[in-house]
Protein backbone atom coordinates (compact mmCIF):
# COMPACT_ATOMS: atom_id res chain seq x y z
CA UNK A 1 16.50 -3.06 3.93
CA UNK A 2 15.63 -5.76 6.39
CA UNK A 3 14.62 -8.35 3.79
CA UNK A 4 10.99 -7.91 4.84
CA UNK A 5 9.01 -5.69 2.47
CA UNK A 6 7.90 -2.39 4.02
CA UNK A 7 4.56 -0.76 3.29
CA UNK A 8 4.73 3.04 3.60
CA UNK A 9 1.50 4.99 4.10
CA UNK A 10 0.02 8.38 5.06
CA UNK A 11 -0.38 8.09 8.85
CA UNK A 12 -2.25 11.42 8.95
CA UNK A 13 -5.14 9.73 7.15
CA UNK A 14 -7.48 7.64 9.36
CA UNK A 15 -8.61 5.54 6.39
CA UNK A 16 -5.03 4.92 5.25
CA UNK A 17 -4.07 3.95 8.81
CA UNK A 18 -6.99 1.50 8.98
CA UNK A 19 -5.80 -0.05 5.69
CA UNK A 20 -2.23 -0.27 6.99
CA UNK A 21 -3.51 -2.02 10.13
CA UNK A 22 -5.17 -4.62 7.93
CA UNK A 23 -1.76 -5.34 6.45
CA UNK A 24 -0.27 -5.60 9.96
CA UNK A 25 -3.02 -8.03 10.94
CA UNK A 26 -2.99 -10.10 7.77
CA UNK A 27 0.58 -10.14 6.44
CA UNK A 28 4.21 -10.28 7.45
CA UNK A 29 4.93 -6.85 5.94
CA UNK A 30 6.61 -4.17 7.96
CA UNK A 31 4.41 -1.09 8.02
CA UNK A 32 5.61 2.49 8.53
CA UNK A 33 3.81 5.81 8.38
CA UNK A 34 5.15 8.88 6.57
CA UNK A 35 6.03 10.47 9.89
CA UNK A 36 8.32 7.56 10.81
CA UNK A 37 10.15 6.73 7.60
CA UNK A 38 13.91 6.70 7.75
CA UNK A 39 16.16 8.80 5.55
CA UNK A 40 17.21 5.60 3.76
CA UNK A 41 13.57 4.71 3.02
CA UNK A 42 12.80 8.24 1.90
CA UNK A 43 15.74 8.22 -0.53
CA UNK A 44 14.24 5.19 -2.28
CA UNK A 45 10.78 6.75 -2.71
CA UNK A 46 9.74 8.70 -5.81
CA UNK A 47 9.78 12.48 -5.76
CA UNK A 48 5.97 12.61 -5.25
CA UNK A 49 6.12 10.11 -2.37
CA UNK A 50 3.66 12.02 -0.21
CA UNK A 51 0.93 11.53 -2.83
CA UNK A 52 0.28 7.87 -1.98
CA UNK A 53 1.26 4.48 -0.63
CA UNK A 54 4.46 2.58 -1.43
CA UNK A 55 5.88 -0.90 -0.97
CA UNK A 56 9.67 -1.18 -0.59
CA UNK A 57 11.32 -4.53 -1.21
CA UNK A 58 15.04 -5.23 -1.39
CA UNK A 59 14.83 -5.16 -5.20
CA UNK A 60 11.97 -2.81 -6.05
CA UNK A 61 9.88 0.19 -5.07
CA UNK A 62 6.18 -0.10 -5.92
CA UNK A 63 4.06 3.05 -5.67
CA UNK A 64 0.40 3.96 -5.58
CA UNK A 65 -1.93 1.36 -7.10
CA UNK A 66 0.87 -1.09 -7.77
CA UNK A 67 1.92 -0.80 -4.09
CA UNK A 68 -1.58 -1.75 -2.99
CA UNK A 69 -1.69 -4.61 -5.49
CA UNK A 70 1.69 -5.96 -4.33
CA UNK A 71 0.87 -5.58 -0.60
CA UNK A 72 -2.51 -7.28 -1.05
CA UNK A 73 -0.84 -10.17 -2.90
CA UNK A 74 1.51 -10.66 0.08
CA UNK A 75 -1.38 -10.83 2.58
CA UNK A 76 -3.70 -13.63 3.67
CA UNK A 77 -6.63 -11.39 2.63
CA UNK A 78 -5.93 -12.21 -1.02
CA UNK A 79 -8.29 -15.01 -2.14
CA UNK A 80 -6.87 -18.22 -3.65
CA UNK A 81 -6.05 -17.71 -7.28
CA UNK A 82 -5.66 -13.94 -7.08
CA UNK A 83 -2.06 -14.20 -8.35
CA UNK A 84 -3.43 -15.91 -11.47
CA UNK A 85 -6.07 -13.22 -11.87
CA UNK A 86 -3.58 -10.36 -11.59
CA UNK A 87 -1.21 -12.19 -13.96
CA UNK A 88 -4.08 -12.52 -16.44
CA UNK A 89 -4.98 -8.82 -16.13
CA UNK A 90 -1.38 -7.76 -16.68
CA UNK A 91 -1.61 -9.16 -20.18
CA UNK A 92 -3.78 -6.23 -21.14
CA UNK A 93 -2.10 -3.03 -22.19
CA UNK A 94 -4.55 -0.79 -20.27
CA UNK A 95 -4.43 -2.74 -16.99
CA UNK A 96 -1.74 -0.57 -15.35
CA UNK A 97 -3.48 2.63 -16.39
CA UNK A 98 -6.81 1.35 -15.04
CA UNK A 99 -5.24 0.16 -11.76
CA UNK A 100 -3.67 3.54 -11.20
CA UNK A 101 -6.87 5.41 -12.16
CA UNK A 102 -8.85 3.34 -9.62
CA UNK A 103 -6.20 3.97 -6.98
CA UNK A 104 -6.33 7.71 -7.62
CA UNK A 105 -10.19 7.71 -7.54
CA UNK A 106 -10.13 5.97 -4.15
CA UNK A 107 -7.27 8.13 -2.80
CA UNK A 108 -9.07 11.34 -3.71
CA UNK A 109 -12.02 10.15 -1.60
CA UNK A 110 -10.11 9.18 1.54
CA UNK A 111 -12.25 11.46 3.68
CA UNK A 112 -15.41 9.70 2.47
CA UNK A 113 -13.91 6.23 3.06
CA UNK A 114 -12.81 7.48 6.52
CA UNK A 115 -16.47 7.89 7.48
CA UNK A 116 -16.86 4.14 6.96
CA UNK A 117 -13.60 2.86 8.47
CA UNK A 118 -10.78 4.71 10.13
CA UNK A 119 -8.14 4.31 12.78
CA UNK A 120 -6.54 7.17 14.66
CA UNK A 121 -3.59 5.36 16.33
CA UNK A 122 -0.64 4.37 14.17
CA UNK A 123 -0.79 0.88 12.67
CA UNK A 124 1.24 -1.56 14.76
CA UNK A 125 1.57 -5.16 15.74
CA UNK A 126 -0.02 -6.03 19.12
């Protein structure tokens, strides 16, 4: 890995691409679509990698809702104090389950979200 965390997303999804572009615009994360991941990146992903987003760091692979949470925390979109809020929420046994349920609910409605915001071109730095 390059030392810079890499956000991996479904670049066939206009809504997912729009979200990835927000990370390009508001963070220092590297961003790569499914169609451009390297063999090395793919080896690090879980078996069901095509079912959602991922964040690869040198030490860890975050997937699905946790990937979104971790990417958001590394962006300038995150409001002040959000680290404290997430830390507080992690104290609760059901937090991870709820986070992943909310991620899945949103992911299953990507076509609907894509009517509101979408981007056809791959996410990239200008």
